[in-house]
Amino acid sequence: MKATLSCALKEWAVAVNALEQGKTILLLRKGGIREESGGFEVPNDTVLLYSTFEHQQRDLLKPEYASQVTPVESGWHPETIQIGSYAHITDVLPVTNQGAIKKLESFHIWNQQFVSDRLKWKPRQPVYLLLLRVYRLPEVQTIAYRPEYSGCKSWIDLAEPIAIAGSTPSLSDSDYNQQANAIRQII
């Protein structure tokens, strides 16, 4: 295992919080608008989790998560970013069937409108289900925001690597494997 990481996955702050608390292990992705390859790819299977705020939308979340979102103006970003976790991406599962994703409703934080919108955007491309084994850092790390971190892209490289030694899993091995296996069976 690496001692430090610099590659980060950008995701809504509400989703990162749910991952860190062990409330979900599942992200639904199609990729950022500015992905270099033109489609979604996972360049590293172990990544820091970088919370974003700009595109969070209450109306795309289940009620218990919608209340955690404070809307911000387009282009807003904090001056500093809190990095509190990293994840090992154990599975990348492409799905095009809305019925299969609907069966996963209890495993994620989004509502049906979000799922439907994701499937309709670039309809020839699948939605990718990412299963993440999340680890909380021993101490939350505060980094300065940099302009190269902005934009609609899934992956960024942080200017300074972050140490991950001493991190603890958000879920036990048993709990993680039980959820991951249930999701795999549905797909």
Foldseek 3Di string as FASTA:
>chain_A
DDQWAFKEFEDAPLQVVCQLLVQAQKDKDFWFPPEPVNTDDDPAQKHWYWHDQAPDDLVFWDVVSSVVHDYDHHPDDDQKTKTFKMWGFPDKDFDLDLVLVVVCVSRGTTDSVNSVVVCPVVVVGTIIMTGIFMWTAPDIDMDGDDPQVDGGGGMDGHPDIDGRPPTGTSDDPVVSVVVVVVSVVSD
